[in-house]
């Protein structure tokens, strides 16, 4: 029998994402996309094959990392690969427009 995702605990939903690509939005101006390798009860996460997107005064900076440990206290949103594919192009468009408006 299939379990209704709305009846799962948050940790159970995150557990289902282990081994999958996820999109993590941090408090502040960083977003990361990578493969979730593990997490703990504090939602500290280990990601591999990571792309970090950061908005700076100079524009958007993209950094590639082999692995990263994220502090759960700084995580605002965790999303699955499907949402990443839908919303990341919009994020790129908005941040490009924001960067242009900040330089004018």
PDB file of N, CA and C in Angstrom:
ATOM      1  N   UNK A   1       0.850  -1.183   0.000  1.00  0.00           N
ATOM      2  CA  UNK A   1       0.000   0.000   0.000  1.00  0.00           C
ATOM      3  C   UNK A   1       0.889   1.237   0.000  1.00  0.00           C
ATOM      4  N   UNK A   2       0.572   2.216  -0.856  1.00  0.00           N
ATOM      5  CA  UNK A   2       1.338   3.456  -0.944  1.00  0.00           C
ATOM      6  C   UNK A   2       1.010   4.364   0.230  1.00  0.00           C
ATOM      7  N   UNK A   3       2.034   5.061   0.708  1.00  0.00           N
ATOM      8  CA  UNK A   3       1.849   5.985   1.817  1.00  0.00           C
ATOM      9  C   UNK A   3       1.622   7.383   1.264  1.00  0.00           C
ATOM     10  N   UNK A   4       0.635   8.064   1.791  1.00  0.00           N
ATOM     11  CA  UNK A   4       0.357   9.437   1.384  1.00  0.00           C
ATOM     12  C   UNK A   4       1.462  10.342   1.922  1.00  0.00           C
ATOM     13  N   UNK A   5       2.214  11.062   1.028  1.00  0.00           N
ATOM     14  CA  UNK A   5       3.317  11.911   1.501  1.00  0.00           C
ATOM     15  C   UNK A   5       2.886  12.953   2.525  1.00  0.00           C
ATOM     16  N   UNK A   6       1.644  13.393   2.502  1.00  0.00           N
ATOM     17  CA  UNK A   6       1.192  14.398   3.465  1.00  0.00           C
ATOM     18  C   UNK A   6       1.072  13.819   4.870  1.00  0.00           C
ATOM     19  N   UNK A   7       1.131  12.503   5.010  1.00  0.00           N
ATOM     20  CA  UNK A   7       1.033  11.862   6.314  1.00  0.00           C
ATOM     21  C   UNK A   7       2.395  11.438   6.859  1.00  0.00           C
ATOM     22  N   UNK A   8       3.467  11.802   6.161  1.00  0.00           N
ATOM     23  CA  UNK A   8       4.816  11.445   6.594  1.00  0.00           C
ATOM     24  C   UNK A   8       5.424  12.544   7.448  1.00  0.00           C
ATOM     25  N   UNK A   9       6.323  12.157   8.319  1.00  0.00           N
ATOM     26  CA  UNK A   9       7.099  13.137   9.069  1.00  0.00           C
ATOM     27  C   UNK A   9       8.132  13.766   8.146  1.00  0.00           C
ATOM     28  N   UNK A  10       8.551  15.002   8.428  1.00  0.00           N
ATOM     29  CA  UNK A  10       9.567  15.632   7.576  1.00  0.00           C
ATOM     30  C   UNK A  10      10.821  14.774   7.418  1.00  0.00           C
ATOM     31  N   UNK A  11      11.270  14.148   8.494  1.00  0.00           N
ATOM     32  CA  UNK A  11      12.479  13.317   8.401  1.00  0.00           C
ATOM     33  C   UNK A  11      12.266  12.118   7.472  1.00  0.00           C
ATOM     34  N   UNK A  12      11.037  11.602   7.408  1.00  0.00           N
ATOM     35  CA  UNK A  12      10.752  10.490   6.500  1.00  0.00           C
ATOM     36  C   UNK A  12      10.802  10.948   5.042  1.00  0.00           C
ATOM     37  N   UNK A  13      10.333  12.152   4.788  1.00  0.00           N
ATOM     38  CA  UNK A  13      10.404  12.696   3.430  1.00  0.00           C
ATOM     39  C   UNK A  13      11.851  12.916   3.011  1.00  0.00           C
ATOM     40  N   UNK A  14      12.666  13.471   3.909  1.00  0.00           N
ATOM     41  CA  UNK A  14      14.078  13.685   3.595  1.00  0.00           C
ATOM     42  C   UNK A  14      14.776  12.348   3.393  1.00  0.00           C
ATOM     43  N   UNK A  15      14.442  11.365   4.211  1.00  0.00           N
ATOM     44  CA  UNK A  15      15.044  10.039   4.090  1.00  0.00           C
ATOM     45  C   UNK A  15      14.788   9.435   2.708  1.00  0.00           C
ATOM     46  N   UNK A  16      13.631   9.687   2.158  1.00  0.00           N
ATOM     47  CA  UNK A  16      13.299   9.188   0.817  1.00  0.00           C
ATOM     48  C   UNK A  16      14.178   9.815  -0.265  1.00  0.00           C
ATOM     49  N   UNK A  17      14.785  10.942   0.036  1.00  0.00           N
ATOM     50  CA  UNK A  17      15.619  11.649  -0.940  1.00  0.00           C
ATOM     51  C   UNK A  17      17.083  11.213  -0.922  1.00  0.00           C
ATOM     52  N   UNK A  18      17.474  10.365   0.021  1.00  0.00           N
ATOM     53  CA  UNK A  18      18.875   9.928   0.072  1.00  0.00           C
ATOM     54  C   UNK A  18      19.218   9.233  -1.247  1.00  0.00           C
ATOM     55  N   UNK A  19      20.324   9.660  -1.830  1.00  0.00           N
ATOM     56  CA  UNK A  19      20.749   9.135  -3.123  1.00  0.00           C
ATOM     57  C   UNK A  19      20.199   9.902  -4.300  1.00  0.00           C
ATOM     58  N   UNK A  20      19.324  10.874  -4.028  1.00  0.00           N
ATOM     59  CA  UNK A  20      18.710  11.674  -5.095  1.00  0.00           C
ATOM     60  C   UNK A  20      19.257  13.090  -5.087  1.00  0.00           C
ATOM     61  N   UNK A  21      19.108  13.750  -6.225  1.00  0.00           N
ATOM     62  CA  UNK A  21      19.499  15.151  -6.318  1.00  0.00           C
ATOM     63  C   UNK A  21      18.431  15.997  -5.628  1.00  0.00           C
ATOM     64  N   UNK A  22      18.869  16.914  -4.774  1.00  0.00           N
ATOM     65  CA  UNK A  22      17.942  17.818  -4.087  1.00  0.00           C
ATOM     66  C   UNK A  22      18.417  19.256  -4.265  1.00  0.00           C
ATOM     67  N   UNK A  23      17.506  20.169  -4.007  1.00  0.00           N
ATOM     68  CA  UNK A  23      17.758  21.604  -4.081  1.00  0.00           C
ATOM     69  C   UNK A  23      17.580  22.134  -2.667  1.00  0.00           C
ATOM     70  N   UNK A  24      18.621  22.771  -2.121  1.00  0.00           N
ATOM     71  CA  UNK A  24      18.582  23.298  -0.760  1.00  0.00           C
ATOM     72  C   UNK A  24      18.723  24.806  -0.814  1.00  0.00           C
ATOM     73  N   UNK A  25      17.771  25.495  -0.241  1.00  0.00           N
ATOM     74  CA  UNK A  25      17.828  26.955  -0.146  1.00  0.00           C
ATOM     75  C   UNK A  25      18.226  27.286   1.283  1.00  0.00           C
ATOM     76  N   UNK A  26      19.332  27.982   1.413  1.00  0.00           N
ATOM     77  CA  UNK A  26      19.865  28.339   2.722  1.00  0.00           C
ATOM     78  C   UNK A  26      19.316  29.699   3.154  1.00  0.00           C
ATOM     79  N   UNK A  27      19.362  29.975   4.442  1.00  0.00           N
ATOM     80  CA  UNK A  27      19.076  31.321   4.919  1.00  0.00           C
ATOM     81  C   UNK A  27      20.174  32.211   4.352  1.00  0.00           C
ATOM     82  N   UNK A  28      19.821  33.341   3.821  1.00  0.00           N
ATOM     83  CA  UNK A  28      20.821  34.201   3.182  1.00  0.00           C
ATOM     84  C   UNK A  28      20.722  34.078   1.677  1.00  0.00           C
ATOM     85  N   UNK A  29      21.842  34.183   1.013  1.00  0.00           N
ATOM     86  CA  UNK A  29      21.849  34.264  -0.448  1.00  0.00           C
ATOM     87  C   UNK A  29      22.491  33.062  -1.124  1.00  0.00           C
ATOM     88  N   UNK A  30      22.364  31.873  -0.537  1.00  0.00           N
ATOM     89  CA  UNK A  30      22.953  30.676  -1.136  1.00  0.00           C
ATOM     90  C   UNK A  30      21.898  29.620  -1.395  1.00  0.00           C
ATOM     91  N   UNK A  31      22.086  28.941  -2.527  1.00  0.00           N
ATOM     92  CA  UNK A  31      21.281  27.775  -2.859  1.00  0.00           C
ATOM     93  C   UNK A  31      22.233  26.710  -3.353  1.00  0.00           C
ATOM     94  N   UNK A  32      21.931  25.467  -3.047  1.00  0.00           N
ATOM     95  CA  UNK A  32      22.793  24.364  -3.435  1.00  0.00           C
ATOM     96  C   UNK A  32      21.976  23.260  -4.083  1.00  0.00           C
ATOM     97  N   UNK A  33      22.574  22.627  -5.067  1.00  0.00           N
ATOM     98  CA  UNK A  33      21.980  21.458  -5.699  1.00  0.00           C
ATOM     99  C   UNK A  33      23.017  20.357  -5.620  1.00  0.00           C
ATOM    100  N   UNK A  34      22.617  19.205  -5.109  1.00  0.00           N
ATOM    101  CA  UNK A  34      23.547  18.091  -5.002  1.00  0.00           C
ATOM    102  C   UNK A  34      22.824  16.817  -4.625  1.00  0.00           C
ATOM    103  N   UNK A  35      23.593  15.748  -4.569  1.00  0.00           N
ATOM    104  CA  UNK A  35      23.041  14.441  -4.212  1.00  0.00           C
ATOM    105  C   UNK A  35      23.118  14.265  -2.699  1.00  0.00           C
ATOM    106  N   UNK A  36      21.965  14.022  -2.096  1.00  0.00           N
ATOM    107  CA  UNK A  36      21.903  13.839  -0.645  1.00  0.00           C
ATOM    108  C   UNK A  36      22.495  12.487  -0.274  1.00  0.00           C
ATOM    109  N   UNK A  37      23.519  12.497   0.582  1.00  0.00           N
ATOM    110  CA  UNK A  37      24.152  11.267   1.042  1.00  0.00           C
ATOM    111  C   UNK A  37      23.714  10.887   2.448  1.00  0.00           C
ATOM    112  N   UNK A  38      23.321  11.874   3.250  1.00  0.00           N
ATOM    113  CA  UNK A  38      22.868  11.558   4.598  1.00  0.00           C
ATOM    114  C   UNK A  38      22.465  12.814   5.341  1.00  0.00           C
ATOM    115  N   UNK A  39      21.794  12.598   6.485  1.00  0.00           N
ATOM    116  CA  UNK A  39      21.363  13.695   7.345  1.00  0.00           C
ATOM    117  C   UNK A  39      21.181  13.133   8.743  1.00  0.00           C
ATOM    118  N   UNK A  40      21.078  14.039   9.717  1.00  0.00           N
ATOM    119  CA  UNK A  40      20.858  13.592  11.091  1.00  0.00           C
ATOM    120  C   UNK A  40      19.591  14.236  11.653  1.00  0.00           C
ATOM    121  N   UNK A  41      19.338  14.034  12.951  1.00  0.00           N
ATOM    122  CA  UNK A  41      18.110  14.541  13.562  1.00  0.00           C
ATOM    123  C   UNK A  41      18.045  16.070  13.573  1.00  0.00           C
ATOM    124  N   UNK A  42      19.187  16.736  13.404  1.00  0.00           N
ATOM    125  CA  UNK A  42      19.218  18.201  13.351  1.00  0.00           C
ATOM    126  C   UNK A  42      19.125  18.712  11.924  1.00  0.00           C
ATOM    127  N   UNK A  43      18.921  17.832  10.984  1.00  0.00           N
ATOM    128  CA  UNK A  43      18.854  18.101   9.546  1.00  0.00           C
ATOM    129  C   UNK A  43      20.176  18.680   9.015  1.00  0.00           C
ATOM    130  N   UNK A  44      21.291  18.375   9.697  1.00  0.00           N
ATOM    131  CA  UNK A  44      22.591  18.604   9.085  1.00  0.00           C
ATOM    132  C   UNK A  44      22.644  17.637   7.913  1.00  0.00           C
ATOM    133  N   UNK A  45      23.140  18.089   6.768  1.00  0.00           N
ATOM    134  CA  UNK A  45      23.118  17.254   5.570  1.00  0.00           C
ATOM    135  C   UNK A  45      24.489  17.144   4.933  1.00  0.00           C
ATOM    136  N   UNK A  46      24.755  15.984   4.360  1.00  0.00           N
ATOM    137  CA  UNK A  46      25.940  15.780   3.535  1.00  0.00           C
ATOM    138  C   UNK A  46      25.464  15.661   2.093  1.00  0.00           C
ATOM    139  N   UNK A  47      26.001  16.547   1.228  1.00  0.00           N
ATOM    140  CA  UNK A  47      25.695  16.508  -0.197  1.00  0.00           C
ATOM    141  C   UNK A  47      26.967  16.224  -0.972  1.00  0.00           C
ATOM    142  N   UNK A  48      26.838  15.526  -2.098  1.00  0.00           N
ATOM    143  CA  UNK A  48      27.949  15.274  -3.007  1.00  0.00           C
ATOM    144  C   UNK A  48      27.613  15.826  -4.376  1.00  0.00           C
ATOM    145  N   UNK A  49      28.666  16.048  -5.181  1.00  0.00           N
ATOM    146  CA  UNK A  49      28.502  16.595  -6.533  1.00  0.00           C
ATOM    147  C   UNK A  49      27.633  17.849  -6.483  1.00  0.00           C
ATOM    148  N   UNK A  50      28.108  18.837  -5.745  1.00  0.00           N
ATOM    149  CA  UNK A  50      27.329  20.011  -5.383  1.00  0.00           C
ATOM    150  C   UNK A  50      27.617  21.189  -6.322  1.00  0.00           C
ATOM    151  N   UNK A  51      26.558  21.894  -6.671  1.00  0.00           N
ATOM    152  CA  UNK A  51      26.670  23.191  -7.327  1.00  0.00           C
ATOM    153  C   UNK A  51      26.076  24.211  -6.375  1.00  0.00           C
ATOM    154  N   UNK A  52      26.880  25.204  -6.008  1.00  0.00           N
ATOM    155  CA  UNK A  52      26.444  26.255  -5.086  1.00  0.00           C
ATOM    156  C   UNK A  52      26.185  27.522  -5.888  1.00  0.00           C
ATOM    157  N   UNK A  53      25.023  28.116  -5.692  1.00  0.00           N
ATOM    158  CA  UNK A  53      24.637  29.371  -6.339  1.00  0.00           C
ATOM    159  C   UNK A  53      24.570  30.432  -5.254  1.00  0.00           C
ATOM    160  N   UNK A  54      25.303  31.516  -5.458  1.00  0.00           N
ATOM    161  CA  UNK A  54      25.329  32.579  -4.462  1.00  0.00           C
ATOM    162  C   UNK A  54      25.145  33.923  -5.161  1.00  0.00           C
ATOM    163  N   UNK A  55      24.308  34.758  -4.588  1.00  0.00           N
ATOM    164  CA  UNK A  55      24.110  36.101  -5.118  1.00  0.00           C
ATOM    165  C   UNK A  55      25.017  37.034  -4.343  1.00  0.00           C
ATOM    166  N   UNK A  56      25.889  37.719  -5.075  1.00  0.00           N
ATOM    167  CA  UNK A  56      26.811  38.671  -4.464  1.00  0.00           C
ATOM    168  C   UNK A  56      26.570  40.043  -5.073  1.00  0.00           C
ATOM    169  N   UNK A  57      27.251  41.045  -4.555  1.00  0.00           N
ATOM    170  CA  UNK A  57      27.132  42.397  -5.106  1.00  0.00           C
ATOM    171  C   UNK A  57      27.602  42.447  -6.555  1.00  0.00           C
ATOM    172  N   UNK A  58      28.516  41.537  -6.916  1.00  0.00           N
ATOM    173  CA  UNK A  58      29.047  41.498  -8.283  1.00  0.00           C
ATOM    174  C   UNK A  58      28.167  40.690  -9.224  1.00  0.00           C
ATOM    175  N   UNK A  59      27.204  39.967  -8.702  1.00  0.00           N
ATOM    176  CA  UNK A  59      26.328  39.127  -9.522  1.00  0.00           C
ATOM    177  C   UNK A  59      26.220  37.736  -8.947  1.00  0.00           C
ATOM    178  N   UNK A  60      25.763  36.824  -9.768  1.00  0.00           N
ATOM    179  CA  UNK A  60      25.587  35.448  -9.326  1.00  0.00           C
ATOM    180  C   UNK A  60      26.909  34.692  -9.470  1.00  0.00           C
ATOM    181  N   UNK A  61      27.297  33.997  -8.421  1.00  0.00           N
ATOM    182  CA  UNK A  61      28.525  33.200  -8.433  1.00  0.00           C
ATOM    183  C   UNK A  61      28.134  31.732  -8.332  1.00  0.00           C
ATOM    184  N   UNK A  62      28.745  30.912  -9.188  1.00  0.00           N
ATOM    185  CA  UNK A  62      28.485  29.479  -9.192  1.00  0.00           C
ATOM    186  C   UNK A  62      29.782  28.767  -8.829  1.00  0.00           C
ATOM    187  N   UNK A  63      29.703  27.871  -7.830  1.00  0.00           N
ATOM    188  CA  UNK A  63      30.863  27.124  -7.357  1.00  0.00           C
ATOM    189  C   UNK A  63      30.533  25.639  -7.385  1.00  0.00           C
ATOM    190  N   UNK A  64      31.450  24.837  -7.910  1.00  0.00           N
ATOM    191  CA  UNK A  64      31.296  23.377  -7.917  1.00  0.00           C
ATOM    192  C   UNK A  64      32.090  22.797  -6.752  1.00  0.00           C
ATOM    193  N   UNK A  65      31.484  21.885  -6.003  1.00  0.00           N
ATOM    194  CA  UNK A  65      32.120  21.238  -4.860  1.00  0.00           C
ATOM    195  C   UNK A  65      31.926  19.733  -4.942  1.00  0.00           C
ATOM    196  N   UNK A  66      32.939  18.970  -4.518  1.00  0.00           N
ATOM    197  CA  UNK A  66      32.803  17.514  -4.484  1.00  0.00           C
ATOM    198  C   UNK A  66      31.835  17.081  -3.381  1.00  0.00           C
ATOM    199  N   UNK A  67      31.969  17.722  -2.205  1.00  0.00           N
ATOM    200  CA  UNK A  67      31.148  17.335  -1.048  1.00  0.00           C
ATOM    201  C   UNK A  67      31.030  18.527  -0.106  1.00  0.00           C
ATOM    202  N   UNK A  68      29.918  18.584   0.616  1.00  0.00           N
ATOM    203  CA  UNK A  68      29.715  19.661   1.589  1.00  0.00           C
ATOM    204  C   UNK A  68      28.861  19.133   2.745  1.00  0.00           C
ATOM    205  N   UNK A  69      29.129  19.651   3.934  1.00  0.00           N
ATOM    206  CA  UNK A  69      28.316  19.376   5.109  1.00  0.00           C
ATOM    207  C   UNK A  69      27.564  20.660   5.435  1.00  0.00           C
ATOM    208  N   UNK A  70      26.237  20.604   5.402  1.00  0.00           N
ATOM    209  CA  UNK A  70      25.397  21.771   5.672  1.00  0.00           C
ATOM    210  C   UNK A  70      24.894  21.722   7.106  1.00  0.00           C
ATOM    211  N   UNK A  71      24.928  22.862   7.779  1.00  0.00           N
ATOM    212  CA  UNK A  71      24.380  22.997   9.124  1.00  0.00           C
ATOM    213  C   UNK A  71      22.870  23.143   9.009  1.00  0.00           C
ATOM    214  N   UNK A  72      22.139  22.246   9.623  1.00  0.00           N
ATOM    215  CA  UNK A  72      20.681  22.269   9.545  1.00  0.00           C
ATOM    216  C   UNK A  72      20.054  23.564  10.029  1.00  0.00           C
ATOM    217  N   UNK A  73      20.713  24.285  10.940  1.00  0.00           N
ATOM    218  CA  UNK A  73      20.170  25.563  11.424  1.00  0.00           C
ATOM    219  C   UNK A  73      20.099  26.616  10.334  1.00  0.00           C
ATOM    220  N   UNK A  74      20.879  26.440   9.271  1.00  0.00           N
ATOM    221  CA  UNK A  74      20.931  27.440   8.205  1.00  0.00           C
ATOM    222  C   UNK A  74      20.122  27.056   6.976  1.00  0.00           C
ATOM    223  N   UNK A  75      19.451  25.915   7.034  1.00  0.00           N
ATOM    224  CA  UNK A  75      18.642  25.462   5.899  1.00  0.00           C
ATOM    225  C   UNK A  75      17.236  26.030   6.026  1.00  0.00           C
ATOM    226  N   UNK A  76      16.774  26.669   4.941  1.00  0.00           N
ATOM    227  CA  UNK A  76      15.427  27.230   4.930  1.00  0.00           C
ATOM    228  C   UNK A  76      14.441  26.302   4.224  1.00  0.00           C
ATOM    229  N   UNK A  77      14.835  25.752   3.057  1.00  0.00           N
ATOM    230  CA  UNK A  77      13.935  24.919   2.254  1.00  0.00           C
ATOM    231  C   UNK A  77      14.728  23.789   1.621  1.00  0.00           C
ATOM    232  N   UNK A  78      14.132  22.603   1.586  1.00  0.00           N
ATOM    233  CA  UNK A  78      14.697  21.457   0.871  1.00  0.00           C
ATOM    234  C   UNK A  78      13.648  21.011  -0.131  1.00  0.00           C
ATOM    235  N   UNK A  79      14.083  20.813  -1.380  1.00  0.00           N
ATOM    236  CA  UNK A  79      13.139  20.418  -2.412  1.00  0.00           C
ATOM    237  C   UNK A  79      13.735  19.288  -3.242  1.00  0.00           C
ATOM    238  N   UNK A  80      12.867  18.549  -3.886  1.00  0.00           N
ATOM    239  CA  UNK A  80      13.315  17.413  -4.690  1.00  0.00           C
ATOM    240  C   UNK A  80      13.763  17.852  -6.081  1.00  0.00           C
ATOM    241  N   UNK A  81      14.265  16.903  -6.833  1.00  0.00           N
ATOM    242  CA  UNK A  81      14.787  17.173  -8.166  1.00  0.00           C
ATOM    243  C   UNK A  81      13.722  17.733  -9.100  1.00  0.00           C
ATOM    244  N   UNK A  82      12.486  17.252  -8.990  1.00  0.00           N
ATOM    245  CA  UNK A  82      11.415  17.746  -9.864  1.00  0.00           C
ATOM    246  C   UNK A  82      11.226  19.246  -9.690  1.00  0.00           C
ATOM    247  N   UNK A  83      11.148  19.699  -8.444  1.00  0.00           N
ATOM    248  CA  UNK A  83      10.972  21.128  -8.186  1.00  0.00           C
ATOM    249  C   UNK A  83      12.165  21.915  -8.695  1.00  0.00           C
ATOM    250  N   UNK A  84      13.363  21.338  -8.556  1.00  0.00           N
ATOM    251  CA  UNK A  84      14.557  21.998  -9.066  1.00  0.00           C
ATOM    252  C   UNK A  84      14.427  22.240 -10.562  1.00  0.00           C
ATOM    253  N   UNK A  85      14.015  21.214 -11.299  1.00  0.00           N
ATOM    254  CA  UNK A  85      13.895  21.346 -12.748  1.00  0.00           C
ATOM    255  C   UNK A  85      12.836  22.368 -13.146  1.00  0.00           C
ATOM    256  N   UNK A  86      11.801  22.523 -12.331  1.00  0.00           N
ATOM    257  CA  UNK A  86      10.731  23.474 -12.628  1.00  0.00           C
ATOM    258  C   UNK A  86      11.130  24.892 -12.242  1.00  0.00           C
ATOM    259  N   UNK A  87      11.684  25.073 -11.030  1.00  0.00           N
ATOM    260  CA  UNK A  87      11.885  26.410 -10.499  1.00  0.00           C
ATOM    261  C   UNK A  87      13.268  26.999 -10.720  1.00  0.00           C
ATOM    262  N   UNK A  88      14.303  26.182 -10.921  1.00  0.00           N
ATOM    263  CA  UNK A  88      15.649  26.733 -11.069  1.00  0.00           C
ATOM    264  C   UNK A  88      15.761  27.657 -12.276  1.00  0.00           C
ATOM    265  N   UNK A  89      15.176  27.332 -13.441  1.00  0.00           N
ATOM    266  CA  UNK A  89      15.235  28.311 -14.539  1.00  0.00           C
ATOM    267  C   UNK A  89      14.601  29.646 -14.153  1.00  0.00           C
ATOM    268  N   UNK A  90      13.524  29.612 -13.369  1.00  0.00           N
ATOM    269  CA  UNK A  90      12.907  30.857 -12.909  1.00  0.00           C
ATOM    270  C   UNK A  90      13.840  31.600 -11.962  1.00  0.00           C
ATOM    271  N   UNK A  91      14.500  30.856 -11.062  1.00  0.00           N
ATOM    272  CA  UNK A  91      15.459  31.465 -10.144  1.00  0.00           C
ATOM    273  C   UNK A  91      16.566  32.161 -10.918  1.00  0.00           C
ATOM    274  N   UNK A  92      17.088  31.505 -11.930  1.00  0.00           N
ATOM    275  CA  UNK A  92      18.164  32.096 -12.726  1.00  0.00           C
ATOM    276  C   UNK A  92      17.693  33.379 -13.402  1.00  0.00           C
ATOM    277  N   UNK A  93      16.473  33.362 -13.932  1.00  0.00           N
ATOM    278  CA  UNK A  93      15.919  34.548 -14.589  1.00  0.00           C
ATOM    279  C   UNK A  93      15.758  35.701 -13.600  1.00  0.00           C
ATOM    280  N   UNK A  94      15.193  35.411 -12.439  1.00  0.00           N
ATOM    281  CA  UNK A  94      14.967  36.452 -11.431  1.00  0.00           C
ATOM    282  C   UNK A  94      16.293  37.011 -10.925  1.00  0.00           C
ATOM    283  N   UNK A  95      17.263  36.143 -10.647  1.00  0.00           N
ATOM    284  CA  UNK A  95      18.537  36.636 -10.133  1.00  0.00           C
ATOM    285  C   UNK A  95      19.283  37.432 -11.186  1.00  0.00           C
ATOM    286  N   UNK A  96      19.133  37.060 -12.463  1.00  0.00           N
ATOM    287  CA  UNK A  96      19.752  37.857 -13.530  1.00  0.00           C
ATOM    288  C   UNK A  96      19.143  39.246 -13.568  1.00  0.00           C
ATOM    289  N   UNK A  97      17.826  39.323 -13.470  1.00  0.00           N
ATOM    290  CA  UNK A  97      17.158  40.629 -13.465  1.00  0.00           C
ATOM    291  C   UNK A  97      17.537  41.428 -12.221  1.00  0.00           C
ATOM    292  N   UNK A  98      17.616  40.752 -11.058  1.00  0.00           N
ATOM    293  CA  UNK A  98      17.996  41.421  -9.819  1.00  0.00           C
ATOM    294  C   UNK A  98      19.416  41.979  -9.925  1.00  0.00           C
ATOM    295  N   UNK A  99      20.329  41.179 -10.483  1.00  0.00           N
ATOM    296  CA  UNK A  99      21.714  41.623 -10.631  1.00  0.00           C
ATOM    297  C   UNK A  99      21.802  42.836 -11.536  1.00  0.00           C
ATOM    298  N   UNK A 100      21.064  42.816 -12.630  1.00  0.00           N
ATOM    299  CA  UNK A 100      21.058  43.963 -13.557  1.00  0.00           C
ATOM    300  C   UNK A 100      20.526  45.201 -12.852  1.00  0.00           C
ATOM    301  N   UNK A 101      19.443  45.054 -12.086  1.00  0.00           N
ATOM    302  CA  UNK A 101      18.852  46.213 -11.409  1.00  0.00           C
ATOM    303  C   UNK A 101      19.786  46.771 -10.331  1.00  0.00           C
ATOM    304  N   UNK A 102      20.603  45.926  -9.717  1.00  0.00           N
ATOM    305  CA  UNK A 102      21.531  46.381  -8.685  1.00  0.00           C
ATOM    306  C   UNK A 102      22.727  47.128  -9.260  1.00  0.00           C
ATOM    307  N   UNK A 103      23.050  46.858 -10.521  1.00  0.00           N
ATOM    308  CA  UNK A 103      24.200  47.526 -11.137  1.00  0.00           C
ATOM    309  C   UNK A 103      23.829  48.842 -11.785  1.00  0.00           C
ATOM    310  N   UNK A 104      22.545  49.096 -11.962  1.00  0.00           N
ATOM    311  CA  UNK A 104      22.106  50.365 -12.596  1.00  0.00           C
ATOM    312  C   UNK A 104      21.856  51.439 -11.572  1.00  0.00           C
TER     313      UNK A 104
END
